[in-house]
């Protein structure tokens, strides 16, 4: 994500691999925004280090 810029109010969630990162993101999102079943955590909390090879 070369166009990504941090804001002053951003939170960084950092966990060890396979230790519940998505679960932690969901908990933080619900603490910040309330229990919204329509909240798309993947949209609100991007994985900046996710590498997906292009489809050929």
PDB file of N, CA and C in Angstrom:
ATOM      1  N   UNK A   1       0.829  -1.178   0.000  1.00  0.00           N
ATOM      2  CA  UNK A   1       0.000   0.000   0.000  1.00  0.00           C
ATOM      3  C   UNK A   1       0.879   1.248   0.000  1.00  0.00           C
ATOM      4  N   UNK A   2       1.392   1.596  -1.124  1.00  0.00           N
ATOM      5  CA  UNK A   2       2.284   2.749  -1.159  1.00  0.00           C
ATOM      6  C   UNK A   2       1.576   4.070  -0.871  1.00  0.00           C
ATOM      7  N   UNK A   3       0.260   4.131  -1.048  1.00  0.00           N
ATOM      8  CA  UNK A   3      -0.469   5.378  -0.811  1.00  0.00           C
ATOM      9  C   UNK A   3      -0.977   5.516   0.620  1.00  0.00           C
ATOM     10  N   UNK A   4      -0.684   4.546   1.480  1.00  0.00           N
ATOM     11  CA  UNK A   4      -1.192   4.592   2.845  1.00  0.00           C
ATOM     12  C   UNK A   4      -0.430   5.626   3.659  1.00  0.00           C
ATOM     13  N   UNK A   5      -1.181   6.429   4.407  1.00  0.00           N
ATOM     14  CA  UNK A   5      -0.579   7.402   5.311  1.00  0.00           C
ATOM     15  C   UNK A   5      -1.227   7.259   6.684  1.00  0.00           C
ATOM     16  N   UNK A   6      -0.405   7.198   7.716  1.00  0.00           N
ATOM     17  CA  UNK A   6      -0.917   7.131   9.076  1.00  0.00           C
ATOM     18  C   UNK A   6      -1.529   8.480   9.459  1.00  0.00           C
ATOM     19  N   UNK A   7      -2.584   8.417  10.268  1.00  0.00           N
ATOM     20  CA  UNK A   7      -3.192   9.616  10.845  1.00  0.00           C
ATOM     21  C   UNK A   7      -2.780   9.689  12.311  1.00  0.00           C
ATOM     22  N   UNK A   8      -2.965  10.836  12.925  1.00  0.00           N
ATOM     23  CA  UNK A   8      -2.603  11.007  14.331  1.00  0.00           C
ATOM     24  C   UNK A   8      -3.432  10.131  15.261  1.00  0.00           C
ATOM     25  N   UNK A   9      -4.659   9.782  14.856  1.00  0.00           N
ATOM     26  CA  UNK A   9      -5.530   8.991  15.729  1.00  0.00           C
ATOM     27  C   UNK A   9      -5.571   7.505  15.364  1.00  0.00           C
ATOM     28  N   UNK A  10      -4.678   7.040  14.487  1.00  0.00           N
ATOM     29  CA  UNK A  10      -4.635   5.621  14.124  1.00  0.00           C
ATOM     30  C   UNK A  10      -4.142   4.767  15.288  1.00  0.00           C
ATOM     31  N   UNK A  11      -4.636   3.541  15.346  1.00  0.00           N
ATOM     32  CA  UNK A  11      -4.145   2.537  16.282  1.00  0.00           C
ATOM     33  C   UNK A  11      -3.469   1.442  15.479  1.00  0.00           C
ATOM     34  N   UNK A  12      -2.383   0.919  15.990  1.00  0.00           N
ATOM     35  CA  UNK A  12      -1.683  -0.176  15.329  1.00  0.00           C
ATOM     36  C   UNK A  12      -1.873  -1.423  16.168  1.00  0.00           C
ATOM     37  N   UNK A  13      -2.405  -2.478  15.547  1.00  0.00           N
ATOM     38  CA  UNK A  13      -2.573  -3.764  16.224  1.00  0.00           C
ATOM     39  C   UNK A  13      -1.463  -4.673  15.725  1.00  0.00           C
ATOM     40  N   UNK A  14      -0.664  -5.137  16.639  1.00  0.00           N
ATOM     41  CA  UNK A  14       0.472  -5.978  16.290  1.00  0.00           C
ATOM     42  C   UNK A  14       0.454  -7.218  17.168  1.00  0.00           C
ATOM     43  N   UNK A  15       0.368  -8.381  16.537  1.00  0.00           N
ATOM     44  CA  UNK A  15       0.337  -9.638  17.272  1.00  0.00           C
ATOM     45  C   UNK A  15       1.284 -10.635  16.612  1.00  0.00           C
ATOM     46  N   UNK A  16       1.613 -11.675  17.338  1.00  0.00           N
ATOM     47  CA  UNK A  16       2.377 -12.772  16.753  1.00  0.00           C
ATOM     48  C   UNK A  16       1.502 -13.519  15.762  1.00  0.00           C
ATOM     49  N   UNK A  17       2.116 -14.163  14.791  1.00  0.00           N
ATOM     50  CA  UNK A  17       1.375 -14.953  13.811  1.00  0.00           C
ATOM     51  C   UNK A  17       0.566 -16.045  14.506  1.00  0.00           C
ATOM     52  N   UNK A  18      -0.641 -16.236  14.020  1.00  0.00           N
ATOM     53  CA  UNK A  18      -1.538 -17.296  14.509  1.00  0.00           C
ATOM     54  C   UNK A  18      -1.879 -17.140  15.988  1.00  0.00           C
ATOM     55  N   UNK A  19      -1.956 -15.893  16.463  1.00  0.00           N
ATOM     56  CA  UNK A  19      -2.277 -15.697  17.878  1.00  0.00           C
ATOM     57  C   UNK A  19      -3.551 -14.874  18.084  1.00  0.00           C
ATOM     58  N   UNK A  20      -4.376 -14.783  17.040  1.00  0.00           N
ATOM     59  CA  UNK A  20      -5.656 -14.114  17.204  1.00  0.00           C
ATOM     60  C   UNK A  20      -5.693 -12.669  16.737  1.00  0.00           C
ATOM     61  N   UNK A  21      -4.993 -12.351  15.664  1.00  0.00           N
ATOM     62  CA  UNK A  21      -4.971 -10.976  15.170  1.00  0.00           C
ATOM     63  C   UNK A  21      -6.369 -10.506  14.772  1.00  0.00           C
ATOM     64  N   UNK A  22      -7.081 -11.303  13.984  1.00  0.00           N
ATOM     65  CA  UNK A  22      -8.429 -10.918  13.543  1.00  0.00           C
ATOM     66  C   UNK A  22      -9.361 -10.775  14.753  1.00  0.00           C
ATOM     67  N   UNK A  23      -9.223 -11.637  15.713  1.00  0.00           N
ATOM     68  CA  UNK A  23     -10.028 -11.585  16.935  1.00  0.00           C
ATOM     69  C   UNK A  23      -9.726 -10.285  17.693  1.00  0.00           C
ATOM     70  N   UNK A  24      -8.446  -9.939  17.783  1.00  0.00           N
ATOM     71  CA  UNK A  24      -8.045  -8.699  18.449  1.00  0.00           C
ATOM     72  C   UNK A  24      -8.586  -7.485  17.699  1.00  0.00           C
ATOM     73  N   UNK A  25      -8.541  -7.512  16.367  1.00  0.00           N
ATOM     74  CA  UNK A  25      -9.091  -6.417  15.577  1.00  0.00           C
ATOM     75  C   UNK A  25     -10.592  -6.252  15.852  1.00  0.00           C
ATOM     76  N   UNK A  26     -11.304  -7.356  15.943  1.00  0.00           N
ATOM     77  CA  UNK A  26     -12.743  -7.311  16.192  1.00  0.00           C
ATOM     78  C   UNK A  26     -13.036  -6.733  17.581  1.00  0.00           C
ATOM     79  N   UNK A  27     -12.277  -7.137  18.580  1.00  0.00           N
ATOM     80  CA  UNK A  27     -12.467  -6.621  19.940  1.00  0.00           C
ATOM     81  C   UNK A  27     -12.224  -5.117  19.976  1.00  0.00           C
ATOM     82  N   UNK A  28     -11.127  -4.663  19.377  1.00  0.00           N
ATOM     83  CA  UNK A  28     -10.814  -3.235  19.370  1.00  0.00           C
ATOM     84  C   UNK A  28     -11.892  -2.460  18.616  1.00  0.00           C
ATOM     85  N   UNK A  29     -12.347  -2.983  17.492  1.00  0.00           N
ATOM     86  CA  UNK A  29     -13.390  -2.310  16.715  1.00  0.00           C
ATOM     87  C   UNK A  29     -14.674  -2.174  17.530  1.00  0.00           C
ATOM     88  N   UNK A  30     -15.056  -3.226  18.253  1.00  0.00           N
ATOM     89  CA  UNK A  30     -16.277  -3.151  19.042  1.00  0.00           C
ATOM     90  C   UNK A  30     -16.115  -2.212  20.243  1.00  0.00           C
ATOM     91  N   UNK A  31     -14.925  -2.139  20.806  1.00  0.00           N
ATOM     92  CA  UNK A  31     -14.687  -1.183  21.888  1.00  0.00           C
ATOM     93  C   UNK A  31     -14.801   0.253  21.384  1.00  0.00           C
ATOM     94  N   UNK A  32     -14.321   0.494  20.176  1.00  0.00           N
ATOM     95  CA  UNK A  32     -14.332   1.847  19.618  1.00  0.00           C
ATOM     96  C   UNK A  32     -15.689   2.244  19.034  1.00  0.00           C
ATOM     97  N   UNK A  33     -16.348   1.307  18.326  1.00  0.00           N
ATOM     98  CA  UNK A  33     -17.538   1.648  17.547  1.00  0.00           C
ATOM     99  C   UNK A  33     -18.818   0.991  18.043  1.00  0.00           C
ATOM    100  N   UNK A  34     -18.729   0.181  19.094  1.00  0.00           N
ATOM    101  CA  UNK A  34     -19.915  -0.501  19.600  1.00  0.00           C
ATOM    102  C   UNK A  34     -20.168  -1.798  18.857  1.00  0.00           C
ATOM    103  N   UNK A  35     -21.130  -2.584  19.351  1.00  0.00           N
ATOM    104  CA  UNK A  35     -21.416  -3.895  18.748  1.00  0.00           C
ATOM    105  C   UNK A  35     -22.249  -3.758  17.469  1.00  0.00           C
ATOM    106  N   UNK A  36     -21.614  -3.428  16.376  1.00  0.00           N
ATOM    107  CA  UNK A  36     -22.294  -3.260  15.097  1.00  0.00           C
ATOM    108  C   UNK A  36     -22.079  -4.506  14.240  1.00  0.00           C
ATOM    109  N   UNK A  37     -23.116  -5.318  13.993  1.00  0.00           N
ATOM    110  CA  UNK A  37     -22.934  -6.549  13.218  1.00  0.00           C
ATOM    111  C   UNK A  37     -22.584  -6.285  11.750  1.00  0.00           C
ATOM    112  N   UNK A  38     -22.832  -5.081  11.261  1.00  0.00           N
ATOM    113  CA  UNK A  38     -22.531  -4.752   9.868  1.00  0.00           C
ATOM    114  C   UNK A  38     -21.147  -4.134   9.693  1.00  0.00           C
ATOM    115  N   UNK A  39     -20.401  -3.993  10.773  1.00  0.00           N
ATOM    116  CA  UNK A  39     -19.068  -3.401  10.691  1.00  0.00           C
ATOM    117  C   UNK A  39     -18.121  -4.361   9.980  1.00  0.00           C
ATOM    118  N   UNK A  40     -17.564  -3.914   8.873  1.00  0.00           N
ATOM    119  CA  UNK A  40     -16.600  -4.712   8.120  1.00  0.00           C
ATOM    120  C   UNK A  40     -15.201  -4.424   8.660  1.00  0.00           C
ATOM    121  N   UNK A  41     -14.708  -5.316   9.500  1.00  0.00           N
ATOM    122  CA  UNK A  41     -13.410  -5.096  10.142  1.00  0.00           C
ATOM    123  C   UNK A  41     -12.290  -5.032   9.106  1.00  0.00           C
ATOM    124  N   UNK A  42     -12.383  -5.828   8.049  1.00  0.00           N
ATOM    125  CA  UNK A  42     -11.336  -5.812   7.022  1.00  0.00           C
ATOM    126  C   UNK A  42     -11.264  -4.459   6.316  1.00  0.00           C
ATOM    127  N   UNK A  43     -12.380  -3.767   6.196  1.00  0.00           N
ATOM    128  CA  UNK A  43     -12.387  -2.448   5.577  1.00  0.00           C
ATOM    129  C   UNK A  43     -11.873  -1.388   6.545  1.00  0.00           C
ATOM    130  N   UNK A  44     -12.225  -1.525   7.812  1.00  0.00           N
ATOM    131  CA  UNK A  44     -11.871  -0.542   8.822  1.00  0.00           C
ATOM    132  C   UNK A  44     -10.436  -0.739   9.327  1.00  0.00           C
ATOM    133  N   UNK A  45      -9.945  -1.975   9.285  1.00  0.00           N
ATOM    134  CA  UNK A  45      -8.639  -2.304   9.827  1.00  0.00           C
ATOM    135  C   UNK A  45      -7.828  -3.076   8.784  1.00  0.00           C
ATOM    136  N   UNK A  46      -7.174  -2.374   7.835  1.00  0.00           N
ATOM    137  CA  UNK A  46      -6.460  -3.071   6.760  1.00  0.00           C
ATOM    138  C   UNK A  46      -5.218  -3.802   7.262  1.00  0.00           C
ATOM    139  N   UNK A  47      -4.886  -4.881   6.597  1.00  0.00           N
ATOM    140  CA  UNK A  47      -3.659  -5.636   6.885  1.00  0.00           C
ATOM    141  C   UNK A  47      -2.580  -5.101   5.955  1.00  0.00           C
ATOM    142  N   UNK A  48      -1.744  -4.211   6.456  1.00  0.00           N
ATOM    143  CA  UNK A  48      -0.752  -3.559   5.611  1.00  0.00           C
ATOM    144  C   UNK A  48       0.339  -4.502   5.135  1.00  0.00           C
ATOM    145  N   UNK A  49       0.602  -5.575   5.878  1.00  0.00           N
ATOM    146  CA  UNK A  49       1.660  -6.495   5.482  1.00  0.00           C
ATOM    147  C   UNK A  49       1.144  -7.708   4.697  1.00  0.00           C
ATOM    148  N   UNK A  50      -0.125  -7.709   4.320  1.00  0.00           N
ATOM    149  CA  UNK A  50      -0.701  -8.821   3.551  1.00  0.00           C
ATOM    150  C   UNK A  50      -0.152  -8.794   2.137  1.00  0.00           C
ATOM    151  N   UNK A  51       0.398  -9.890   1.721  1.00  0.00           N
ATOM    152  CA  UNK A  51       0.939 -10.006   0.357  1.00  0.00           C
ATOM    153  C   UNK A  51       0.144 -11.073  -0.383  1.00  0.00           C
ATOM    154  N   UNK A  52      -0.514 -10.678  -1.452  1.00  0.00           N
ATOM    155  CA  UNK A  52      -1.280 -11.606  -2.279  1.00  0.00           C
ATOM    156  C   UNK A  52      -0.701 -11.554  -3.684  1.00  0.00           C
ATOM    157  N   UNK A  53      -0.224 -12.707  -4.183  1.00  0.00           N
ATOM    158  CA  UNK A  53       0.350 -12.688  -5.542  1.00  0.00           C
ATOM    159  C   UNK A  53      -0.747 -12.434  -6.578  1.00  0.00           C
ATOM    160  N   UNK A  54      -0.401 -11.740  -7.663  1.00  0.00           N
ATOM    161  CA  UNK A  54      -1.420 -11.462  -8.695  1.00  0.00           C
ATOM    162  C   UNK A  54      -1.867 -12.750  -9.381  1.00  0.00           C
ATOM    163  N   UNK A  55      -3.146 -12.793  -9.762  1.00  0.00           N
ATOM    164  CA  UNK A  55      -3.663 -13.943 -10.500  1.00  0.00           C
ATOM    165  C   UNK A  55      -3.168 -13.853 -11.936  1.00  0.00           C
ATOM    166  N   UNK A  56      -2.762 -14.976 -12.472  1.00  0.00           N
ATOM    167  CA  UNK A  56      -2.278 -14.995 -13.869  1.00  0.00           C
ATOM    168  C   UNK A  56      -3.161 -15.880 -14.698  1.00  0.00           C
TER     169      UNK A  56
END
